[in-house]
Amino acid sequence: MMLILTGDGLWSYVPGFSRPPEFYYKMKENPALTFMVVFLVIPSYVQSFANSGAFEVYVDEKLIFSKLETGRMPNVPEIVRALEAAGMKRGG
């Protein structure tokens, strides 16, 4: 969006571009579609990843608790037991 607001000259400062790419001109030709994609479609797509409900605990790439599998959040004693079962020792 910043590139559209600042103009064509900004592309000369972007590494790998000597002139604006084709998609930039298409975005300028259709600002309504650009607005919908930038402010409606992309945030919805990103939000779908954030709301997966996943809470997983790994130790050395081994899954020791998964909210997706159990359907609930763990309590502290469960996490401690799972960490101990994975070979970790309590500090003391």
C-alpha atoms as a PDB file:
ATOM      1  CA  MET A   1       0.000   0.000   0.000  1.00  0.00           C
ATOM      2  CA  MET A   2       2.888   2.303   0.806  1.00  0.00           C
ATOM      3  CA  LEU A   3       4.264   1.832  -2.696  1.00  0.00           C
ATOM      4  CA  ILE A   4       0.978   2.960  -4.209  1.00  0.00           C
ATOM      5  CA  LEU A   5       0.876   6.070  -2.032  1.00  0.00           C
ATOM      6  CA  THR A   6       4.495   7.096  -2.632  1.00  0.00           C
ATOM      7  CA  GLY A   7       4.564   6.702  -6.388  1.00  0.00           C
ATOM      8  CA  ASP A   8       6.495   4.899  -9.088  1.00  0.00           C
ATOM      9  CA  GLY A   9       9.902   6.308  -8.126  1.00  0.00           C
ATOM     10  CA  LEU A  10      10.080   4.311  -4.920  1.00  0.00           C
ATOM     11  CA  TRP A  11      10.582   1.088  -6.884  1.00  0.00           C
ATOM     12  CA  SER A  12      14.105   2.160  -7.816  1.00  0.00           C
ATOM     13  CA  TYR A  13      15.028   1.780  -4.116  1.00  0.00           C
ATOM     14  CA  VAL A  14      13.591  -1.743  -3.825  1.00  0.00           C
ATOM     15  CA  PRO A  15      16.307  -4.359  -4.405  1.00  0.00           C
ATOM     16  CA  GLY A  16      15.746  -6.387  -7.551  1.00  0.00           C
ATOM     17  CA  PHE A  17      13.526  -3.821  -9.283  1.00  0.00           C
ATOM     18  CA  SER A  18      14.674  -1.258 -11.798  1.00  0.00           C
ATOM     19  CA  ARG A  19      11.095  -0.266 -12.598  1.00  0.00           C
ATOM     20  CA  PRO A  20       7.661  -1.019 -11.141  1.00  0.00           C
ATOM     21  CA  PRO A  21       6.464  -4.599 -11.701  1.00  0.00           C
ATOM     22  CA  GLU A  22       3.332  -5.401 -13.696  1.00  0.00           C
ATOM     23  CA  PHE A  23       1.195  -6.202 -10.639  1.00  0.00           C
ATOM     24  CA  TYR A  24       1.804  -2.657  -9.371  1.00  0.00           C
ATOM     25  CA  TYR A  25       0.185  -1.161 -12.469  1.00  0.00           C
ATOM     26  CA  LYS A  26      -2.746  -3.574 -12.179  1.00  0.00           C
ATOM     27  CA  MET A  27      -3.244  -2.517  -8.574  1.00  0.00           C
ATOM     28  CA  LYS A  28      -3.244   1.138  -9.605  1.00  0.00           C
ATOM     29  CA  GLU A  29      -5.772   0.439 -12.372  1.00  0.00           C
ATOM     30  CA  ASN A  30      -8.195  -1.234  -9.977  1.00  0.00           C
ATOM     31  CA  PRO A  31      -8.012   0.470  -6.565  1.00  0.00           C
ATOM     32  CA  ALA A  32     -11.301  -1.046  -5.311  1.00  0.00           C
ATOM     33  CA  LEU A  33     -10.025  -4.580  -5.799  1.00  0.00           C
ATOM     34  CA  THR A  34      -6.685  -3.634  -4.261  1.00  0.00           C
ATOM     35  CA  PHE A  35      -8.491  -2.223  -1.229  1.00  0.00           C
ATOM     36  CA  MET A  36     -10.547  -5.394  -0.805  1.00  0.00           C
ATOM     37  CA  VAL A  37      -7.518  -7.663  -1.076  1.00  0.00           C
ATOM     38  CA  VAL A  38      -5.298  -5.606   1.248  1.00  0.00           C
ATOM     39  CA  PHE A  39      -7.870  -4.824   3.924  1.00  0.00           C
ATOM     40  CA  LEU A  40     -10.325  -7.732   3.732  1.00  0.00           C
ATOM     41  CA  VAL A  41      -8.855 -10.848   2.131  1.00  0.00           C
ATOM     42  CA  ILE A  42      -5.295 -10.823   3.478  1.00  0.00           C
ATOM     43  CA  PRO A  43      -6.294 -10.129   7.131  1.00  0.00           C
ATOM     44  CA  SER A  44      -8.926 -12.891   6.991  1.00  0.00           C
ATOM     45  CA  TYR A  45      -6.335 -15.312   5.666  1.00  0.00           C
ATOM     46  CA  VAL A  46      -3.816 -14.374   8.362  1.00  0.00           C
ATOM     47  CA  GLN A  47      -6.495 -14.554  11.084  1.00  0.00           C
ATOM     48  CA  SER A  48      -7.407 -18.101  10.091  1.00  0.00           C
ATOM     49  CA  PHE A  49      -3.908 -19.203  11.097  1.00  0.00           C
ATOM     50  CA  ALA A  50      -4.029 -17.300  14.372  1.00  0.00           C
ATOM     51  CA  ASN A  51      -7.342 -18.880  15.426  1.00  0.00           C
ATOM     52  CA  SER A  52      -6.401 -22.504  14.949  1.00  0.00           C
ATOM     53  CA  GLY A  53      -6.677 -23.071  18.693  1.00  0.00           C
ATOM     54  CA  ALA A  54      -3.340 -24.817  18.739  1.00  0.00           C
ATOM     55  CA  PHE A  55      -1.343 -24.973  21.949  1.00  0.00           C
ATOM     56  CA  GLU A  56       1.422 -27.504  21.740  1.00  0.00           C
ATOM     57  CA  VAL A  57       4.437 -28.191  23.914  1.00  0.00           C
ATOM     58  CA  TYR A  58       7.524 -29.772  22.357  1.00  0.00           C
ATOM     59  CA  VAL A  59      10.730 -31.035  23.936  1.00  0.00           C
ATOM     60  CA  ASP A  60      13.549 -31.767  21.500  1.00  0.00           C
ATOM     61  CA  GLU A  61      11.070 -31.877  18.602  1.00  0.00           C
ATOM     62  CA  LYS A  62       8.907 -34.428  20.492  1.00  0.00           C
ATOM     63  CA  LEU A  63       5.295 -33.439  21.110  1.00  0.00           C
ATOM     64  CA  ILE A  64       4.450 -33.803  24.797  1.00  0.00           C
ATOM     65  CA  PHE A  65       1.097 -31.977  24.906  1.00  0.00           C
ATOM     66  CA  SER A  66      -1.379 -30.912  22.235  1.00  0.00           C
ATOM     67  CA  LYS A  67      -4.563 -28.950  22.833  1.00  0.00           C
ATOM     68  CA  LEU A  68      -5.700 -30.007  19.375  1.00  0.00           C
ATOM     69  CA  GLU A  69      -5.528 -33.671  20.433  1.00  0.00           C
ATOM     70  CA  THR A  70      -6.983 -33.317  23.944  1.00  0.00           C
ATOM     71  CA  GLY A  71      -9.435 -30.488  23.273  1.00  0.00           C
ATOM     72  CA  ARG A  72      -8.388 -28.576  26.382  1.00  0.00           C
ATOM     73  CA  MET A  73      -5.570 -26.532  27.875  1.00  0.00           C
ATOM     74  CA  PRO A  74      -3.136 -28.310  30.191  1.00  0.00           C
ATOM     75  CA  ASN A  75      -2.742 -27.483  33.852  1.00  0.00           C
ATOM     76  CA  VAL A  76       0.669 -26.919  35.440  1.00  0.00           C
ATOM     77  CA  PRO A  77       1.031 -30.402  37.012  1.00  0.00           C
ATOM     78  CA  GLU A  78       0.299 -32.013  33.629  1.00  0.00           C
ATOM     79  CA  ILE A  79       3.014 -29.997  31.937  1.00  0.00           C
ATOM     80  CA  VAL A  80       5.474 -30.769  34.739  1.00  0.00           C
ATOM     81  CA  ARG A  81       4.702 -34.526  34.505  1.00  0.00           C
ATOM     82  CA  ALA A  82       5.059 -34.458  30.718  1.00  0.00           C
ATOM     83  CA  LEU A  83       8.390 -32.618  30.969  1.00  0.00           C
ATOM     84  CA  GLU A  84       9.644 -35.105  33.572  1.00  0.00           C
ATOM     85  CA  ALA A  85       8.487 -38.014  31.384  1.00  0.00           C
ATOM     86  CA  ALA A  86      10.461 -36.471  28.528  1.00  0.00           C
ATOM     87  CA  GLY A  87      13.621 -36.611  30.645  1.00  0.00           C
ATOM     88  CA  MET A  88      13.762 -33.141  32.170  1.00  0.00           C
ATOM     89  CA  LYS A  89      14.583 -32.839  35.878  1.00  0.00           C
ATOM     90  CA  ARG A  90      13.198 -30.362  38.384  1.00  0.00           C
ATOM     91  CA  GLY A  91      15.540 -27.677  39.606  1.00  0.00           C
ATOM     92  CA  GLY A  92      16.006 -27.668  43.268  1.00  0.00           C
END
